[in-house]
Amino acid sequence: MPDPETNPNPKPEAEPKDDTSEAEKWKALARKHEAQAKANADAARKLAALEEAGKTEAQKAADTAAEDKAARVAAEARADRLEVAMAKGLTPGQAKRLQGATRAELEADADDLLESFPAAEPPRPPPNGKPTERLSGGGDPTLPLNGDPLEQALRQKLGIT
């Protein structure tokens, strides 16, 4: 009979098994694997601590310098992207999409973005002072005050006065 540890998909046997005993077997196997995973995680933490403790001061300083350099490069790239976006008049959404490693590449990408998606018109400032009223008369000046020509024509055709 194949071992369930080495063969996770054993072939079904001819005789029926009790469901509860089968479930208990798989639960025990899961507990065993969970315990092994916890032991592996603990061992990995201990190894990382040993490696960190074994580093010389020079190695620690070199690691810190490398992290600082990566942060500085990322900050400079972000600053360049924002400066180009402001200089070209890009919207914040367009500025996020700028790509390029150098300032010249960022400027070329900004020009392409503006060509493909022109910047929207700036919003109009609100009107100053009191709004002007543009009122007109209530109706058509050709109509008499007391009637509608269509209504009068219908009344005449129908003989209603």
N, C-alpha and C. Protein backbone atom coordinates (compact mmCIF):
# COMPACT_ATOMS: atom_id res chain seq x y z
N MET A 1 0.85 -1.18 0.00
CA MET A 1 0.00 0.00 0.00
C MET A 1 0.90 1.24 0.00
N PRO A 2 0.62 2.27 -0.88
CA PRO A 2 1.47 3.46 -0.95
C PRO A 2 1.29 4.33 0.29
N ASP A 3 2.37 4.99 0.66
CA ASP A 3 2.38 5.87 1.83
C ASP A 3 1.68 7.18 1.46
N PRO A 4 0.72 7.66 2.28
CA PRO A 4 0.02 8.91 1.94
C PRO A 4 0.94 10.12 1.96
N GLU A 5 2.09 10.04 2.67
CA GLU A 5 3.01 11.16 2.68
C GLU A 5 3.72 11.31 1.34
N THR A 6 4.14 10.24 0.74
CA THR A 6 4.88 10.31 -0.51
C THR A 6 3.94 10.35 -1.71
N ASN A 7 2.76 9.84 -1.60
CA ASN A 7 1.80 9.83 -2.70
C ASN A 7 0.53 10.53 -2.21
N PRO A 8 0.36 11.82 -2.50
CA PRO A 8 -0.80 12.54 -1.99
C PRO A 8 -2.11 12.09 -2.63
N ASN A 9 -2.07 11.45 -3.77
CA ASN A 9 -3.28 10.99 -4.45
C ASN A 9 -3.27 9.46 -4.56
N PRO A 10 -3.45 8.77 -3.44
CA PRO A 10 -3.44 7.31 -3.53
C PRO A 10 -4.65 6.81 -4.31
N LYS A 11 -4.47 5.69 -4.96
CA LYS A 11 -5.57 5.10 -5.72
C LYS A 11 -6.60 4.55 -4.74
N PRO A 12 -7.88 4.68 -5.08
CA PRO A 12 -8.90 4.16 -4.17
C PRO A 12 -8.77 2.64 -4.04
N GLU A 13 -8.95 2.19 -2.82
CA GLU A 13 -8.86 0.75 -2.59
C GLU A 13 -10.22 0.12 -2.83
N ALA A 14 -10.22 -1.15 -2.99
CA ALA A 14 -11.44 -1.87 -3.32
C ALA A 14 -12.41 -1.89 -2.15
N GLU A 15 -11.90 -1.99 -0.93
CA GLU A 15 -12.79 -2.06 0.22
C GLU A 15 -13.18 -0.66 0.69
N PRO A 16 -14.43 -0.44 1.05
CA PRO A 16 -14.85 0.87 1.52
C PRO A 16 -14.25 1.14 2.91
N LYS A 17 -13.89 2.44 3.12
CA LYS A 17 -13.32 2.83 4.40
C LYS A 17 -14.34 3.63 5.19
N ASP A 18 -14.10 3.64 6.46
CA ASP A 18 -14.94 4.42 7.35
C ASP A 18 -14.59 5.89 7.16
N ASP A 19 -15.59 6.75 6.93
CA ASP A 19 -15.34 8.18 6.67
C ASP A 19 -14.67 8.87 7.85
N THR A 20 -15.07 8.54 9.05
CA THR A 20 -14.48 9.22 10.21
C THR A 20 -13.02 8.84 10.39
N SER A 21 -12.69 7.59 10.16
CA SER A 21 -11.27 7.19 10.31
C SER A 21 -10.43 7.83 9.20
N GLU A 22 -11.00 7.95 8.02
CA GLU A 22 -10.28 8.60 6.90
C GLU A 22 -10.06 10.08 7.22
N ALA A 23 -11.06 10.74 7.77
CA ALA A 23 -10.93 12.15 8.12
C ALA A 23 -9.91 12.33 9.23
N GLU A 24 -9.91 11.46 10.21
CA GLU A 24 -8.93 11.54 11.30
C GLU A 24 -7.52 11.36 10.78
N LYS A 25 -7.35 10.45 9.82
CA LYS A 25 -6.03 10.21 9.24
C LYS A 25 -5.51 11.48 8.56
N TRP A 26 -6.37 12.15 7.79
CA TRP A 26 -5.96 13.34 7.07
C TRP A 26 -5.74 14.52 8.03
N LYS A 27 -6.52 14.59 9.10
CA LYS A 27 -6.31 15.64 10.10
C LYS A 27 -4.96 15.46 10.78
N ALA A 28 -4.63 14.22 11.12
CA ALA A 28 -3.33 13.96 11.76
C ALA A 28 -2.20 14.31 10.81
N LEU A 29 -2.35 13.97 9.55
CA LEU A 29 -1.33 14.29 8.56
C LEU A 29 -1.18 15.81 8.41
N ALA A 30 -2.30 16.54 8.42
CA ALA A 30 -2.26 18.00 8.32
C ALA A 30 -1.57 18.61 9.54
N ARG A 31 -1.86 18.08 10.74
CA ARG A 31 -1.20 18.58 11.96
C ARG A 31 0.30 18.35 11.88
N LYS A 32 0.69 17.19 11.36
CA LYS A 32 2.12 16.86 11.25
C LYS A 32 2.81 17.86 10.31
N HIS A 33 2.19 18.15 9.17
CA HIS A 33 2.77 19.08 8.19
C HIS A 33 2.78 20.51 8.75
N GLU A 34 1.77 20.87 9.50
CA GLU A 34 1.72 22.20 10.10
C GLU A 34 2.85 22.37 11.11
N ALA A 35 3.09 21.36 11.91
CA ALA A 35 4.18 21.41 12.88
C ALA A 35 5.53 21.53 12.16
N GLN A 36 5.69 20.81 11.07
CA GLN A 36 6.93 20.87 10.30
C GLN A 36 7.12 22.27 9.69
N ALA A 37 6.03 22.88 9.21
CA ALA A 37 6.11 24.22 8.64
C ALA A 37 6.50 25.25 9.71
N LYS A 38 5.95 25.12 10.91
CA LYS A 38 6.33 26.03 12.00
C LYS A 38 7.80 25.87 12.35
N ALA A 39 8.28 24.63 12.39
CA ALA A 39 9.69 24.39 12.70
C ALA A 39 10.58 24.99 11.62
N ASN A 40 10.18 24.88 10.36
CA ASN A 40 10.95 25.47 9.26
C ASN A 40 10.97 26.99 9.36
N ALA A 41 9.85 27.61 9.73
CA ALA A 41 9.80 29.07 9.87
C ALA A 41 10.71 29.52 11.00
N ASP A 42 10.70 28.79 12.11
CA ASP A 42 11.58 29.12 13.23
C ASP A 42 13.04 29.00 12.81
N ALA A 43 13.36 27.95 12.08
CA ALA A 43 14.74 27.75 11.63
C ALA A 43 15.16 28.87 10.69
N ALA A 44 14.27 29.34 9.83
CA ALA A 44 14.59 30.43 8.91
C ALA A 44 14.85 31.73 9.68
N ARG A 45 14.05 32.00 10.72
CA ARG A 45 14.28 33.19 11.54
C ARG A 45 15.63 33.12 12.25
N LYS A 46 15.96 31.94 12.78
CA LYS A 46 17.25 31.77 13.48
C LYS A 46 18.41 31.95 12.51
N LEU A 47 18.27 31.42 11.30
CA LEU A 47 19.32 31.56 10.30
C LEU A 47 19.52 33.03 9.93
N ALA A 48 18.43 33.76 9.75
CA ALA A 48 18.55 35.18 9.42
C ALA A 48 19.22 35.94 10.55
N ALA A 49 18.89 35.60 11.79
CA ALA A 49 19.51 36.27 12.93
C ALA A 49 21.00 35.96 13.00
N LEU A 50 21.35 34.70 12.73
CA LEU A 50 22.77 34.32 12.73
C LEU A 50 23.54 35.03 11.62
N GLU A 51 22.94 35.11 10.46
CA GLU A 51 23.60 35.80 9.35
C GLU A 51 23.80 37.27 9.67
N GLU A 52 22.80 37.90 10.29
CA GLU A 52 22.91 39.31 10.66
C GLU A 52 23.99 39.50 11.72
N ALA A 53 24.04 38.58 12.68
CA ALA A 53 25.04 38.68 13.75
C ALA A 53 26.45 38.44 13.21
N GLY A 54 26.57 37.61 12.19
CA GLY A 54 27.87 37.28 11.63
C GLY A 54 28.43 38.36 10.73
N LYS A 55 27.62 39.36 10.38
CA LYS A 55 28.11 40.42 9.50
C LYS A 55 29.07 41.33 10.25
N THR A 56 30.05 41.79 9.55
CA THR A 56 30.98 42.75 10.14
C THR A 56 30.35 44.13 10.08
N GLU A 57 30.93 45.05 10.79
CA GLU A 57 30.45 46.43 10.76
C GLU A 57 30.52 47.01 9.35
N ALA A 58 31.53 46.62 8.60
CA ALA A 58 31.67 47.11 7.23
C ALA A 58 30.53 46.60 6.36
N GLN A 59 30.16 45.32 6.55
CA GLN A 59 29.06 44.77 5.75
C GLN A 59 27.74 45.45 6.11
N LYS A 60 27.54 45.70 7.42
CA LYS A 60 26.31 46.37 7.85
C LYS A 60 26.27 47.79 7.27
N ALA A 61 27.40 48.47 7.29
CA ALA A 61 27.46 49.83 6.74
C ALA A 61 27.22 49.81 5.23
N ALA A 62 27.76 48.81 4.55
CA ALA A 62 27.55 48.70 3.11
C ALA A 62 26.08 48.45 2.79
N ASP A 63 25.42 47.59 3.59
CA ASP A 63 23.99 47.33 3.38
C ASP A 63 23.17 48.60 3.60
N THR A 64 23.48 49.33 4.65
CA THR A 64 22.76 50.57 4.94
C THR A 64 22.99 51.59 3.83
N ALA A 65 24.23 51.67 3.34
CA ALA A 65 24.52 52.61 2.26
C ALA A 65 23.76 52.23 0.99
N ALA A 66 23.68 50.94 0.70
CA ALA A 66 22.94 50.50 -0.49
C ALA A 66 21.46 50.83 -0.37
N GLU A 67 20.88 50.64 0.83
CA GLU A 67 19.47 50.97 1.04
C GLU A 67 19.24 52.47 0.90
N ASP A 68 20.17 53.26 1.47
CA ASP A 68 20.05 54.71 1.38
C ASP A 68 20.16 55.19 -0.07
N LYS A 69 21.05 54.58 -0.83
CA LYS A 69 21.23 54.98 -2.23
C LYS A 69 19.98 54.66 -3.04
N ALA A 70 19.39 53.48 -2.79
CA ALA A 70 18.17 53.11 -3.52
C ALA A 70 17.04 54.09 -3.19
N ALA A 71 16.92 54.49 -1.93
CA ALA A 71 15.88 55.45 -1.55
C ALA A 71 16.13 56.81 -2.19
N ARG A 72 17.39 57.24 -2.25
CA ARG A 72 17.73 58.53 -2.86
C ARG A 72 17.41 58.53 -4.35
N VAL A 73 17.77 57.43 -5.04
CA VAL A 73 17.50 57.33 -6.48
C VAL A 73 15.99 57.37 -6.74
N ALA A 74 15.22 56.67 -5.90
CA ALA A 74 13.76 56.68 -6.07
C ALA A 74 13.19 58.08 -5.84
N ALA A 75 13.70 58.78 -4.84
CA ALA A 75 13.21 60.14 -4.55
C ALA A 75 13.57 61.11 -5.68
N GLU A 76 14.77 60.97 -6.23
CA GLU A 76 15.17 61.85 -7.34
C GLU A 76 14.31 61.58 -8.58
N ALA A 77 14.02 60.31 -8.84
CA ALA A 77 13.19 59.97 -10.00
C ALA A 77 11.79 60.55 -9.84
N ARG A 78 11.26 60.47 -8.62
CA ARG A 78 9.92 61.02 -8.36
C ARG A 78 9.93 62.54 -8.52
N ALA A 79 10.97 63.18 -8.01
CA ALA A 79 11.08 64.64 -8.13
C ALA A 79 11.19 65.05 -9.60
N ASP A 80 11.99 64.34 -10.38
CA ASP A 80 12.11 64.64 -11.81
C ASP A 80 10.76 64.50 -12.51
N ARG A 81 10.04 63.42 -12.18
CA ARG A 81 8.74 63.18 -12.81
C ARG A 81 7.78 64.32 -12.49
N LEU A 82 7.76 64.76 -11.24
CA LEU A 82 6.85 65.84 -10.85
C LEU A 82 7.25 67.17 -11.47
N GLU A 83 8.55 67.45 -11.55
CA GLU A 83 9.01 68.70 -12.15
C GLU A 83 8.65 68.76 -13.63
N VAL A 84 8.85 67.66 -14.34
CA VAL A 84 8.50 67.62 -15.77
C VAL A 84 6.99 67.79 -15.94
N ALA A 85 6.23 67.12 -15.10
CA ALA A 85 4.76 67.21 -15.20
C ALA A 85 4.29 68.64 -14.98
N MET A 86 4.85 69.32 -14.00
CA MET A 86 4.46 70.71 -13.74
C MET A 86 4.88 71.62 -14.88
N ALA A 87 6.10 71.41 -15.41
CA ALA A 87 6.60 72.26 -16.48
C ALA A 87 5.76 72.09 -17.75
N LYS A 88 5.29 70.88 -18.01
CA LYS A 88 4.51 70.61 -19.22
C LYS A 88 3.01 70.85 -19.03
N GLY A 89 2.58 71.10 -17.79
CA GLY A 89 1.16 71.36 -17.54
C GLY A 89 0.31 70.11 -17.56
N LEU A 90 0.86 68.99 -17.11
CA LEU A 90 0.10 67.75 -17.09
C LEU A 90 -0.84 67.71 -15.88
N THR A 91 -1.92 66.97 -16.04
CA THR A 91 -2.82 66.75 -14.91
C THR A 91 -2.16 65.73 -13.97
N PRO A 92 -2.62 65.64 -12.72
CA PRO A 92 -2.04 64.65 -11.81
C PRO A 92 -2.17 63.21 -12.35
N GLY A 93 -3.27 62.90 -13.02
CA GLY A 93 -3.44 61.57 -13.60
C GLY A 93 -2.43 61.30 -14.71
N GLN A 94 -2.15 62.30 -15.51
CA GLN A 94 -1.15 62.14 -16.57
C GLN A 94 0.25 62.06 -15.97
N ALA A 95 0.51 62.81 -14.92
CA ALA A 95 1.84 62.81 -14.30
C ALA A 95 2.20 61.44 -13.75
N LYS A 96 1.21 60.72 -13.23
CA LYS A 96 1.48 59.38 -12.69
C LYS A 96 1.93 58.42 -13.77
N ARG A 97 1.58 58.69 -15.01
CA ARG A 97 1.86 57.76 -16.09
C ARG A 97 3.16 58.06 -16.85
N LEU A 98 3.87 59.09 -16.42
CA LEU A 98 5.14 59.40 -17.07
C LEU A 98 6.14 58.27 -16.86
N GLN A 99 6.85 57.92 -17.94
CA GLN A 99 7.84 56.86 -17.86
C GLN A 99 9.14 57.33 -18.48
N GLY A 100 10.23 56.92 -17.89
CA GLY A 100 11.54 57.26 -18.42
C GLY A 100 12.57 57.26 -17.31
N ALA A 101 13.81 56.96 -17.69
CA ALA A 101 14.88 56.90 -16.70
C ALA A 101 15.60 58.25 -16.57
N THR A 102 15.58 59.04 -17.64
CA THR A 102 16.27 60.32 -17.60
C THR A 102 15.25 61.45 -17.76
N ARG A 103 15.68 62.65 -17.48
CA ARG A 103 14.80 63.82 -17.61
C ARG A 103 14.35 63.99 -19.07
N ALA A 104 15.27 63.75 -20.01
CA ALA A 104 14.93 63.90 -21.43
C ALA A 104 13.86 62.88 -21.83
N GLU A 105 13.96 61.65 -21.33
CA GLU A 105 12.95 60.64 -21.64
C GLU A 105 11.60 61.02 -21.04
N LEU A 106 11.63 61.57 -19.82
CA LEU A 106 10.38 62.01 -19.19
C LEU A 106 9.74 63.15 -19.97
N GLU A 107 10.54 64.09 -20.45
CA GLU A 107 10.00 65.20 -21.24
C GLU A 107 9.41 64.70 -22.55
N ALA A 108 10.09 63.75 -23.20
CA ALA A 108 9.57 63.19 -24.45
C ALA A 108 8.26 62.46 -24.20
N ASP A 109 8.18 61.72 -23.09
CA ASP A 109 6.96 61.00 -22.76
C ASP A 109 5.83 61.99 -22.44
N ALA A 110 6.15 63.08 -21.78
CA ALA A 110 5.15 64.10 -21.48
C ALA A 110 4.61 64.71 -22.76
N ASP A 111 5.50 64.98 -23.72
CA ASP A 111 5.05 65.52 -25.01
C ASP A 111 4.13 64.54 -25.72
N ASP A 112 4.48 63.25 -25.68
CA ASP A 112 3.62 62.22 -26.29
C ASP A 112 2.26 62.17 -25.61
N LEU A 113 2.25 62.26 -24.27
CA LEU A 113 0.99 62.25 -23.54
C LEU A 113 0.12 63.44 -23.93
N LEU A 114 0.74 64.61 -24.00
CA LEU A 114 -0.04 65.80 -24.36
C LEU A 114 -0.55 65.74 -25.79
N GLU A 115 0.22 65.11 -26.66
CA GLU A 115 -0.23 64.96 -28.05
C GLU A 115 -1.41 63.99 -28.13
N SER A 116 -1.32 62.91 -27.38
CA SER A 116 -2.39 61.90 -27.40
C SER A 116 -3.62 62.34 -26.62
N PHE A 117 -3.39 62.96 -25.45
CA PHE A 117 -4.48 63.37 -24.58
C PHE A 117 -4.26 64.82 -24.18
N PRO A 118 -4.75 65.75 -24.97
CA PRO A 118 -4.50 67.16 -24.65
C PRO A 118 -5.09 67.52 -23.28
N ALA A 119 -4.44 68.45 -22.64
CA ALA A 119 -4.91 68.89 -21.33
C ALA A 119 -6.27 69.55 -21.47
N ALA A 120 -7.11 69.33 -20.51
CA ALA A 120 -8.46 69.91 -20.54
C ALA A 120 -8.36 71.41 -20.31
N GLU A 121 -9.39 72.11 -20.78
CA GLU A 121 -9.42 73.55 -20.55
C GLU A 121 -9.47 73.81 -19.05
N PRO A 122 -8.78 74.84 -18.61
CA PRO A 122 -8.87 75.14 -17.18
C PRO A 122 -10.29 75.57 -16.84
N PRO A 123 -10.75 75.29 -15.65
CA PRO A 123 -12.12 75.67 -15.29
C PRO A 123 -12.27 77.18 -15.27
N ARG A 124 -13.45 77.62 -15.67
CA ARG A 124 -13.71 79.05 -15.68
C ARG A 124 -13.86 79.56 -14.26
N PRO A 125 -13.34 80.74 -14.00
CA PRO A 125 -13.53 81.28 -12.65
C PRO A 125 -14.99 81.65 -12.45
N PRO A 126 -15.45 81.63 -11.21
CA PRO A 126 -16.85 81.98 -10.98
C PRO A 126 -17.09 83.44 -11.34
N PRO A 127 -18.29 83.78 -11.77
CA PRO A 127 -18.58 85.17 -12.15
C PRO A 127 -18.49 86.08 -10.94
N ASN A 128 -18.08 87.30 -11.20
CA ASN A 128 -17.94 88.28 -10.13
C ASN A 128 -19.25 89.02 -9.92
N GLY A 129 -19.56 89.30 -8.71
CA GLY A 129 -20.72 90.13 -8.40
C GLY A 129 -22.03 89.40 -8.61
N LYS A 130 -23.05 90.21 -8.81
CA LYS A 130 -24.41 89.70 -8.96
C LYS A 130 -24.60 89.15 -10.37
N PRO A 131 -25.25 88.00 -10.52
CA PRO A 131 -25.49 87.47 -11.86
C PRO A 131 -26.44 88.39 -12.64
N THR A 132 -26.24 88.46 -13.94
CA THR A 132 -27.11 89.30 -14.77
C THR A 132 -28.35 88.51 -15.13
N GLU A 133 -29.44 89.22 -15.15
CA GLU A 133 -30.71 88.58 -15.50
C GLU A 133 -30.98 88.78 -16.97
N ARG A 134 -31.31 87.71 -17.62
CA ARG A 134 -31.64 87.79 -19.05
C ARG A 134 -33.09 87.37 -19.22
N LEU A 135 -33.96 88.25 -18.85
CA LEU A 135 -35.38 87.96 -18.92
C LEU A 135 -35.96 88.53 -20.20
N SER A 136 -36.92 87.83 -20.73
CA SER A 136 -37.62 88.33 -21.91
C SER A 136 -39.11 88.26 -21.62
N GLY A 137 -39.90 88.78 -22.53
CA GLY A 137 -41.33 88.76 -22.36
C GLY A 137 -41.86 87.34 -22.30
N GLY A 138 -43.06 87.18 -21.82
CA GLY A 138 -43.60 85.85 -21.58
C GLY A 138 -44.02 85.09 -22.81
N GLY A 139 -44.38 85.75 -23.88
CA GLY A 139 -44.88 84.98 -25.01
C GLY A 139 -44.61 85.65 -26.33
N ASP A 140 -45.27 85.14 -27.34
CA ASP A 140 -45.11 85.65 -28.70
C ASP A 140 -45.88 86.96 -28.82
N PRO A 141 -45.24 88.03 -29.26
CA PRO A 141 -45.94 89.33 -29.32
C PRO A 141 -46.98 89.39 -30.44
N THR A 142 -46.99 88.43 -31.35
CA THR A 142 -47.98 88.47 -32.44
C THR A 142 -49.32 87.92 -32.00
N LEU A 143 -49.38 87.24 -30.86
CA LEU A 143 -50.65 86.68 -30.40
C LEU A 143 -51.44 87.77 -29.66
N PRO A 144 -52.74 87.77 -29.87
CA PRO A 144 -53.54 88.71 -29.11
C PRO A 144 -53.60 88.30 -27.64
N LEU A 145 -53.89 89.24 -26.79
CA LEU A 145 -53.89 88.95 -25.37
C LEU A 145 -54.99 87.99 -24.96
N ASN A 146 -56.06 87.93 -25.70
CA ASN A 146 -57.19 87.12 -25.28
C ASN A 146 -57.45 85.92 -26.17
N GLY A 147 -56.48 85.40 -26.89
CA GLY A 147 -56.81 84.26 -27.69
C GLY A 147 -55.65 83.65 -28.44
N ASP A 148 -55.93 82.49 -29.00
CA ASP A 148 -54.96 81.73 -29.75
C ASP A 148 -55.53 81.56 -31.15
N PRO A 149 -54.80 81.92 -32.22
CA PRO A 149 -55.36 81.82 -33.57
C PRO A 149 -55.75 80.39 -33.94
N LEU A 150 -55.02 79.40 -33.49
CA LEU A 150 -55.34 78.01 -33.80
C LEU A 150 -56.67 77.63 -33.14
N GLU A 151 -56.82 78.05 -31.89
CA GLU A 151 -58.06 77.74 -31.17
C GLU A 151 -59.24 78.42 -31.86
N GLN A 152 -59.05 79.65 -32.28
CA GLN A 152 -60.13 80.37 -32.95
C GLN A 152 -60.49 79.70 -34.27
N ALA A 153 -59.48 79.22 -35.01
CA ALA A 153 -59.75 78.58 -36.29
C ALA A 153 -60.52 77.28 -36.06
N LEU A 154 -60.16 76.52 -35.04
CA LEU A 154 -60.88 75.28 -34.74
C LEU A 154 -62.35 75.59 -34.34
N ARG A 155 -62.51 76.58 -33.55
CA ARG A 155 -63.88 76.94 -33.13
C ARG A 155 -64.73 77.32 -34.34
N GLN A 156 -64.17 78.05 -35.30
CA GLN A 156 -64.91 78.44 -36.48
C GLN A 156 -65.27 77.22 -37.33
N LYS A 157 -64.33 76.28 -37.51
CA LYS A 157 -64.59 75.10 -38.31
C LYS A 157 -65.65 74.22 -37.67
N LEU A 158 -65.63 74.13 -36.36
CA LEU A 158 -66.58 73.29 -35.65
C LEU A 158 -67.91 73.99 -35.35
N GLY A 159 -67.92 75.24 -35.56
CA GLY A 159 -69.14 76.00 -35.32
C GLY A 159 -69.35 76.30 -33.86
N ILE A 160 -68.32 76.35 -33.11
CA ILE A 160 -68.43 76.67 -31.69
C ILE A 160 -68.04 78.14 -31.53
N THR A 161 -68.82 78.86 -30.76
CA THR A 161 -68.49 80.24 -30.55
C THR A 161 -67.99 80.53 -29.17
